[in-house]
PDB file of all heavy atoms in Angstrom:
ATOM      1  N   PRO A   1      24.123  -9.481  -4.061  1.00  0.00           N
ATOM      2  CA  PRO A   1      23.058 -10.219  -3.351  1.00  0.00           C
ATOM      3  C   PRO A   1      21.893 -10.599  -4.254  1.00  0.00           C
ATOM      4  O   PRO A   1      21.205 -11.582  -3.998  1.00  0.00           O
ATOM      5  CB  PRO A   1      22.616  -9.229  -2.260  1.00  0.00           C
ATOM      6  CG  PRO A   1      23.759  -8.287  -2.098  1.00  0.00           C
ATOM      7  CD  PRO A   1      24.394  -8.174  -3.444  1.00  0.00           C
ATOM      8  N   GLU A   2      21.667  -9.820  -5.319  1.00  0.00           N
ATOM      9  CA  GLU A   2      20.525 -10.080  -6.200  1.00  0.00           C
ATOM     10  C   GLU A   2      20.971 -10.419  -7.618  1.00  0.00           C
ATOM     11  O   GLU A   2      20.208 -10.260  -8.565  1.00  0.00           O
ATOM     12  CB  GLU A   2      19.605  -8.857  -6.202  1.00  0.00           C
ATOM     13  CG  GLU A   2      19.070  -8.518  -4.820  1.00  0.00           C
ATOM     14  CD  GLU A   2      18.310  -7.208  -4.802  1.00  0.00           C
ATOM     15  OE1 GLU A   2      18.172  -6.592  -5.869  1.00  0.00           O
ATOM     16  OE2 GLU A   2      17.852  -6.808  -3.709  1.00  0.00           O
ATOM     17  N   GLY A   3      22.219 -10.861  -7.767  1.00  0.00           N
ATOM     18  CA  GLY A   3      22.726 -11.224  -9.083  1.00  0.00           C
ATOM     19  C   GLY A   3      23.939 -10.393  -9.461  1.00  0.00           C
ATOM     20  O   GLY A   3      24.404  -9.550  -8.685  1.00  0.00           O
ATOM     21  N   PRO A   4      24.489 -10.601 -10.676  1.00  0.00           N
ATOM     22  CA  PRO A   4      25.691  -9.876 -11.101  1.00  0.00           C
ATOM     23  C   PRO A   4      25.463  -8.363 -11.142  1.00  0.00           C
ATOM     24  O   PRO A   4      24.390  -7.891 -11.530  1.00  0.00           O
ATOM     25  CB  PRO A   4      25.957 -10.426 -12.507  1.00  0.00           C
ATOM     26  CG  PRO A   4      25.242 -11.734 -12.549  1.00  0.00           C
ATOM     27  CD  PRO A   4      24.045 -11.579 -11.673  1.00  0.00           C
ATOM     28  N   MET A   5      26.486  -7.614 -10.739  1.00  0.00           N
ATOM     29  CA  MET A   5      26.430  -6.156 -10.735  1.00  0.00           C
ATOM     30  C   MET A   5      27.727  -5.622 -11.347  1.00  0.00           C
ATOM     31  O   MET A   5      28.794  -6.207 -11.175  1.00  0.00           O
ATOM     32  CB  MET A   5      26.296  -5.604  -9.313  1.00  0.00           C
ATOM     33  CG  MET A   5      25.100  -6.099  -8.542  1.00  0.00           C
ATOM     34  SD  MET A   5      25.047  -5.387  -6.873  1.00  0.00           S
ATOM     35  CE  MET A   5      24.590  -3.694  -7.244  1.00  0.00           C
ATOM     36  N   SER A   6      27.636  -4.495 -12.026  1.00  0.00           N
ATOM     37  CA  SER A   6      28.825  -3.842 -12.567  1.00  0.00           C
ATOM     38  C   SER A   6      29.163  -2.622 -11.725  1.00  0.00           C
ATOM     39  O   SER A   6      28.336  -2.146 -10.929  1.00  0.00           O
ATOM     40  CB  SER A   6      28.588  -3.412 -14.017  1.00  0.00           C
ATOM     41  OG  SER A   6      27.647  -2.353 -14.074  1.00  0.00           O
ATOM     42  N   GLU A   7      30.375  -2.118 -11.912  1.00  0.00           N
ATOM     43  CA  GLU A   7      30.756  -0.863 -11.242  1.00  0.00           C
ATOM     44  C   GLU A   7      29.764   0.243 -11.591  1.00  0.00           C
ATOM     45  O   GLU A   7      29.339   1.012 -10.723  1.00  0.00           O
ATOM     46  CB  GLU A   7      32.157  -0.447 -11.671  1.00  0.00           C
ATOM     47  CG  GLU A   7      33.281  -1.282 -11.126  1.00  0.00           C
ATOM     48  CD  GLU A   7      34.630  -0.745 -11.581  1.00  0.00           C
ATOM     49  OE1 GLU A   7      34.931   0.434 -11.300  1.00  0.00           O
ATOM     50  OE2 GLU A   7      35.375  -1.508 -12.223  1.00  0.00           O
ATOM     51  N   ALA A   8      29.398   0.314 -12.881  1.00  0.00           N
ATOM     52  CA  ALA A   8      28.465   1.361 -13.316  1.00  0.00           C
ATOM     53  C   ALA A   8      27.123   1.230 -12.614  1.00  0.00           C
ATOM     54  O   ALA A   8      26.508   2.235 -12.227  1.00  0.00           O
ATOM     55  CB  ALA A   8      28.292   1.312 -14.834  1.00  0.00           C
ATOM     56  N   ASP A   9      26.649  -0.006 -12.428  1.00  0.00           N
ATOM     57  CA  ASP A   9      25.371  -0.234 -11.732  1.00  0.00           C
ATOM     58  C   ASP A   9      25.436   0.302 -10.304  1.00  0.00           C
ATOM     59  O   ASP A   9      24.506   0.982  -9.834  1.00  0.00           O
ATOM     60  CB  ASP A   9      25.040  -1.729 -11.695  1.00  0.00           C
ATOM     61  CG  ASP A   9      24.777  -2.317 -13.065  1.00  0.00           C
ATOM     62  OD1 ASP A   9      24.332  -1.561 -13.944  1.00  0.00           O
ATOM     63  OD2 ASP A   9      25.021  -3.523 -13.248  1.00  0.00           O
ATOM     64  N   ILE A  10      26.517  -0.032  -9.603  1.00  0.00           N
ATOM     65  CA  ILE A  10      26.637   0.359  -8.196  1.00  0.00           C
ATOM     66  C   ILE A  10      26.745   1.876  -8.074  1.00  0.00           C
ATOM     67  O   ILE A  10      26.106   2.486  -7.210  1.00  0.00           O
ATOM     68  CB  ILE A  10      27.854  -0.333  -7.552  1.00  0.00           C
ATOM     69  CG1 ILE A  10      27.674  -1.847  -7.562  1.00  0.00           C
ATOM     70  CG2 ILE A  10      28.055   0.160  -6.121  1.00  0.00           C
ATOM     71  CD1 ILE A  10      28.875  -2.621  -7.054  1.00  0.00           C
ATOM     72  N   LEU A  11      27.547   2.493  -8.943  1.00  0.00           N
ATOM     73  CA  LEU A  11      27.719   3.946  -8.866  1.00  0.00           C
ATOM     74  C   LEU A  11      26.418   4.672  -9.208  1.00  0.00           C
ATOM     75  O   LEU A  11      26.079   5.685  -8.584  1.00  0.00           O
ATOM     76  CB  LEU A  11      28.848   4.384  -9.807  1.00  0.00           C
ATOM     77  CG  LEU A  11      30.252   3.955  -9.380  1.00  0.00           C
ATOM     78  CD1 LEU A  11      31.260   4.225 -10.491  1.00  0.00           C
ATOM     79  CD2 LEU A  11      30.671   4.674  -8.100  1.00  0.00           C
ATOM     80  N   TRP A  12      25.670   4.149 -10.190  1.00  0.00           N
ATOM     81  CA  TRP A  12      24.393   4.762 -10.536  1.00  0.00           C
ATOM     82  C   TRP A  12      23.395   4.623  -9.383  1.00  0.00           C
ATOM     83  O   TRP A  12      22.668   5.568  -9.055  1.00  0.00           O
ATOM     84  CB  TRP A  12      23.826   4.136 -11.804  1.00  0.00           C
ATOM     85  CG  TRP A  12      22.554   4.789 -12.259  1.00  0.00           C
ATOM     86  CD1 TRP A  12      21.280   4.380 -11.989  1.00  0.00           C
ATOM     87  CD2 TRP A  12      22.438   5.990 -13.025  1.00  0.00           C
ATOM     88  NE1 TRP A  12      20.370   5.243 -12.542  1.00  0.00           N
ATOM     89  CE2 TRP A  12      21.053   6.238 -13.190  1.00  0.00           C
ATOM     90  CE3 TRP A  12      23.360   6.861 -13.592  1.00  0.00           C
ATOM     91  CZ2 TRP A  12      20.583   7.336 -13.903  1.00  0.00           C
ATOM     92  CZ3 TRP A  12      22.890   7.957 -14.305  1.00  0.00           C
ATOM     93  CH2 TRP A  12      21.523   8.186 -14.452  1.00  0.00           C
ATOM     94  N   ASP A  13      23.380   3.452  -8.764  1.00  0.00           N
ATOM     95  CA  ASP A  13      22.481   3.230  -7.629  1.00  0.00           C
ATOM     96  C   ASP A  13      22.850   4.149  -6.459  1.00  0.00           C
ATOM     97  O   ASP A  13      21.969   4.737  -5.822  1.00  0.00           O
ATOM     98  CB  ASP A  13      22.557   1.773  -7.191  1.00  0.00           C
ATOM     99  CG  ASP A  13      21.660   1.479  -5.998  1.00  0.00           C
ATOM    100  OD1 ASP A  13      20.444   1.313  -6.199  1.00  0.00           O
ATOM    101  OD2 ASP A  13      22.183   1.443  -4.859  1.00  0.00           O
ATOM    102  N   LEU A  14      24.141   4.287  -6.196  1.00  0.00           N
ATOM    103  CA  LEU A  14      24.585   5.167  -5.113  1.00  0.00           C
ATOM    104  C   LEU A  14      24.202   6.613  -5.402  1.00  0.00           C
ATOM    105  O   LEU A  14      23.705   7.335  -4.516  1.00  0.00           O
ATOM    106  CB  LEU A  14      26.096   5.043  -4.927  1.00  0.00           C
ATOM    107  CG  LEU A  14      26.750   5.979  -3.910  1.00  0.00           C
ATOM    108  CD1 LEU A  14      26.117   5.828  -2.530  1.00  0.00           C
ATOM    109  CD2 LEU A  14      28.254   5.713  -3.840  1.00  0.00           C
ATOM    110  N   ALA A  15      24.400   7.047  -6.652  1.00  0.00           N
ATOM    111  CA  ALA A  15      24.023   8.420  -7.037  1.00  0.00           C
ATOM    112  C   ALA A  15      22.519   8.624  -6.880  1.00  0.00           C
ATOM    113  O   ALA A  15      22.066   9.686  -6.428  1.00  0.00           O
ATOM    114  CB  ALA A  15      24.459   8.699  -8.474  1.00  0.00           C
ATOM    115  N   SER A  16      21.732   7.610  -7.235  1.00  0.00           N
ATOM    116  CA  SER A  16      20.271   7.717  -7.116  1.00  0.00           C
ATOM    117  C   SER A  16      19.839   7.811  -5.654  1.00  0.00           C
ATOM    118  O   SER A  16      18.916   8.568  -5.313  1.00  0.00           O
ATOM    119  CB  SER A  16      19.600   6.508  -7.782  1.00  0.00           C
ATOM    120  OG  SER A  16      19.931   6.450  -9.158  1.00  0.00           O
ATOM    121  N   ARG A  17      20.496   7.061  -4.782  1.00  0.00           N
ATOM    122  CA  ARG A  17      20.172   7.121  -3.356  1.00  0.00           C
ATOM    123  C   ARG A  17      20.527   8.496  -2.786  1.00  0.00           C
ATOM    124  O   ARG A  17      19.771   9.062  -1.973  1.00  0.00           O
ATOM    125  CB  ARG A  17      20.916   6.019  -2.592  1.00  0.00           C
ATOM    126  CG  ARG A  17      20.407   4.635  -2.903  1.00  0.00           C
ATOM    127  CD  ARG A  17      21.283   3.522  -2.333  1.00  0.00           C
ATOM    128  NE  ARG A  17      20.853   2.234  -2.857  1.00  0.00           N
ATOM    129  CZ  ARG A  17      19.930   1.459  -2.307  1.00  0.00           C
ATOM    130  NH1 ARG A  17      19.355   1.836  -1.169  1.00  0.00           N
ATOM    131  NH2 ARG A  17      19.581   0.316  -2.855  1.00  0.00           N
ATOM    132  N   LEU A  18      21.667   9.031  -3.189  1.00  0.00           N
ATOM    133  CA  LEU A  18      22.057  10.361  -2.731  1.00  0.00           C
ATOM    134  C   LEU A  18      21.117  11.420  -3.286  1.00  0.00           C
ATOM    135  O   LEU A  18      20.675  12.330  -2.563  1.00  0.00           O
ATOM    136  CB  LEU A  18      23.495  10.646  -3.159  1.00  0.00           C
ATOM    137  CG  LEU A  18      24.077  12.006  -2.766  1.00  0.00           C
ATOM    138  CD1 LEU A  18      24.026  12.214  -1.255  1.00  0.00           C
ATOM    139  CD2 LEU A  18      25.521  12.134  -3.267  1.00  0.00           C
ATOM    140  N   GLU A  19      20.766  11.289  -4.565  1.00  0.00           N
ATOM    141  CA  GLU A  19      19.841  12.237  -5.194  1.00  0.00           C
ATOM    142  C   GLU A  19      18.483  12.216  -4.485  1.00  0.00           C
ATOM    143  O   GLU A  19      17.886  13.274  -4.227  1.00  0.00           O
ATOM    144  CB  GLU A  19      19.661  11.886  -6.668  1.00  0.00           C
ATOM    145  CG  GLU A  19      18.708  12.825  -7.399  1.00  0.00           C
ATOM    146  CD  GLU A  19      18.368  12.340  -8.792  1.00  0.00           C
ATOM    147  OE1 GLU A  19      18.380  11.107  -9.014  1.00  0.00           O
ATOM    148  OE2 GLU A  19      18.060  13.182  -9.649  1.00  0.00           O
ATOM    149  N   GLY A  20      17.976  11.024  -4.160  1.00  0.00           N
ATOM    150  CA  GLY A  20      16.678  10.924  -3.494  1.00  0.00           C
ATOM    151  C   GLY A  20      16.665  11.622  -2.149  1.00  0.00           C
ATOM    152  O   GLY A  20      15.707  12.333  -1.814  1.00  0.00           O
ATOM    153  N   ARG A  21      17.713  11.452  -1.373  1.00  0.00           N
ATOM    154  CA  ARG A  21      17.789  12.099  -0.053  1.00  0.00           C
ATOM    155  C   ARG A  21      17.913  13.612  -0.193  1.00  0.00           C
ATOM    156  O   ARG A  21      17.297  14.364   0.571  1.00  0.00           O
ATOM    157  CB  ARG A  21      18.960  11.523   0.733  1.00  0.00           C
ATOM    158  CG  ARG A  21      18.704  10.121   1.266  1.00  0.00           C
ATOM    159  CD  ARG A  21      19.984   9.437   1.707  1.00  0.00           C
ATOM    160  NE  ARG A  21      19.714   8.192   2.424  1.00  0.00           N
ATOM    161  CZ  ARG A  21      19.393   7.051   1.816  1.00  0.00           C
ATOM    162  NH1 ARG A  21      19.301   7.005   0.491  1.00  0.00           N
ATOM    163  NH2 ARG A  21      19.162   5.955   2.537  1.00  0.00           N
ATOM    164  N   MET A  22      18.725  14.048  -1.139  1.00  0.00           N
ATOM    165  CA  MET A  22      18.895  15.489  -1.316  1.00  0.00           C
ATOM    166  C   MET A  22      17.614  16.147  -1.808  1.00  0.00           C
ATOM    167  O   MET A  22      17.246  17.242  -1.368  1.00  0.00           O
ATOM    168  CB  MET A  22      20.043  15.760  -2.285  1.00  0.00           C
ATOM    169  CG  MET A  22      21.417  15.481  -1.698  1.00  0.00           C
ATOM    170  SD  MET A  22      22.758  15.921  -2.844  1.00  0.00           S
ATOM    171  CE  MET A  22      24.168  15.907  -1.708  1.00  0.00           C
ATOM    172  N   THR A  23      16.919  15.475  -2.718  1.00  0.00           N
ATOM    173  CA  THR A  23      15.651  16.013  -3.231  1.00  0.00           C
ATOM    174  C   THR A  23      14.609  16.081  -2.116  1.00  0.00           C
ATOM    175  O   THR A  23      13.859  17.068  -1.995  1.00  0.00           O
ATOM    176  CB  THR A  23      15.137  15.141  -4.388  1.00  0.00           C
ATOM    177  OG1 THR A  23      16.116  15.111  -5.435  1.00  0.00           O
ATOM    178  CG2 THR A  23      13.832  15.691  -4.936  1.00  0.00           C
ATOM    179  N   ALA A  24      14.565  15.057  -1.272  1.00  0.00           N
ATOM    180  CA  ALA A  24      13.592  15.030  -0.175  1.00  0.00           C
ATOM    181  C   ALA A  24      13.817  16.172   0.805  1.00  0.00           C
ATOM    182  O   ALA A  24      12.872  16.658   1.434  1.00  0.00           O
ATOM    183  CB  ALA A  24      13.671  13.691   0.554  1.00  0.00           C
ATOM    184  N   ILE A  25      15.060  16.624   0.914  1.00  0.00           N
ATOM    185  CA  ILE A  25      15.372  17.679   1.869  1.00  0.00           C
ATOM    186  C   ILE A  25      15.231  19.065   1.244  1.00  0.00           C
ATOM    187  O   ILE A  25      15.417  20.086   1.917  1.00  0.00           O
ATOM    188  CB  ILE A  25      16.789  17.458   2.439  1.00  0.00           C
ATOM    189  CG1 ILE A  25      16.858  17.846   3.915  1.00  0.00           C
ATOM    190  CG2 ILE A  25      17.854  18.197   1.634  1.00  0.00           C
ATOM    191  CD1 ILE A  25      18.071  17.289   4.632  1.00  0.00           C
ATOM    192  N   GLY A  26      14.887  19.083  -0.072  1.00  0.00           N
ATOM    193  CA  GLY A  26      14.618  20.353  -0.731  1.00  0.00           C
ATOM    194  C   GLY A  26      15.735  20.880  -1.613  1.00  0.00           C
ATOM    195  O   GLY A  26      15.647  22.019  -2.107  1.00  0.00           O
ATOM    196  N   MET A  27      16.756  20.088  -1.856  1.00  0.00           N
ATOM    197  CA  MET A  27      17.853  20.542  -2.703  1.00  0.00           C
ATOM    198  C   MET A  27      17.515  20.322  -4.174  1.00  0.00           C
ATOM    199  O   MET A  27      16.764  19.413  -4.527  1.00  0.00           O
ATOM    200  CB  MET A  27      19.146  19.793  -2.355  1.00  0.00           C
ATOM    201  CG  MET A  27      19.558  19.916  -0.897  1.00  0.00           C
ATOM    202  SD  MET A  27      21.062  18.993  -0.491  1.00  0.00           S
ATOM    203  CE  MET A  27      22.311  20.098  -1.127  1.00  0.00           C
ATOM    204  N   ASP A  28      18.053  21.171  -5.040  1.00  0.00           N
ATOM    205  CA  ASP A  28      17.921  21.001  -6.487  1.00  0.00           C
ATOM    206  C   ASP A  28      19.086  20.130  -6.953  1.00  0.00           C
ATOM    207  O   ASP A  28      20.244  20.544  -6.894  1.00  0.00           O
ATOM    208  CB  ASP A  28      17.971  22.351  -7.209  1.00  0.00           C
ATOM    209  CG  ASP A  28      16.792  23.237  -6.839  1.00  0.00           C
ATOM    210  OD1 ASP A  28      15.721  22.689  -6.539  1.00  0.00           O
ATOM    211  OD2 ASP A  28      16.960  24.472  -6.845  1.00  0.00           O
ATOM    212  N   THR A  29      18.789  18.918  -7.380  1.00  0.00           N
ATOM    213  CA  THR A  29      19.840  17.973  -7.744  1.00  0.00           C
ATOM    214  C   THR A  29      19.807  17.673  -9.236  1.00  0.00           C
ATOM    215  O   THR A  29      18.745  17.646  -9.867  1.00  0.00           O
ATOM    216  CB  THR A  29      19.690  16.658  -6.966  1.00  0.00           C
ATOM    217  OG1 THR A  29      18.403  16.091  -7.229  1.00  0.00           O
ATOM    218  CG2 THR A  29      19.850  16.884  -5.473  1.00  0.00           C
TER     219      THR A  29
END
C-alpha cells in the first residue's frame, strides 16, 4: 500500500508489532 515491500520488511514489521504488544503487557521481549 505504501510502496515496494520485501518478505524481510513484512516479517520485521510483524515482529515489531508483536513485540510492542507484549512489552505493553509487561513481558520481557
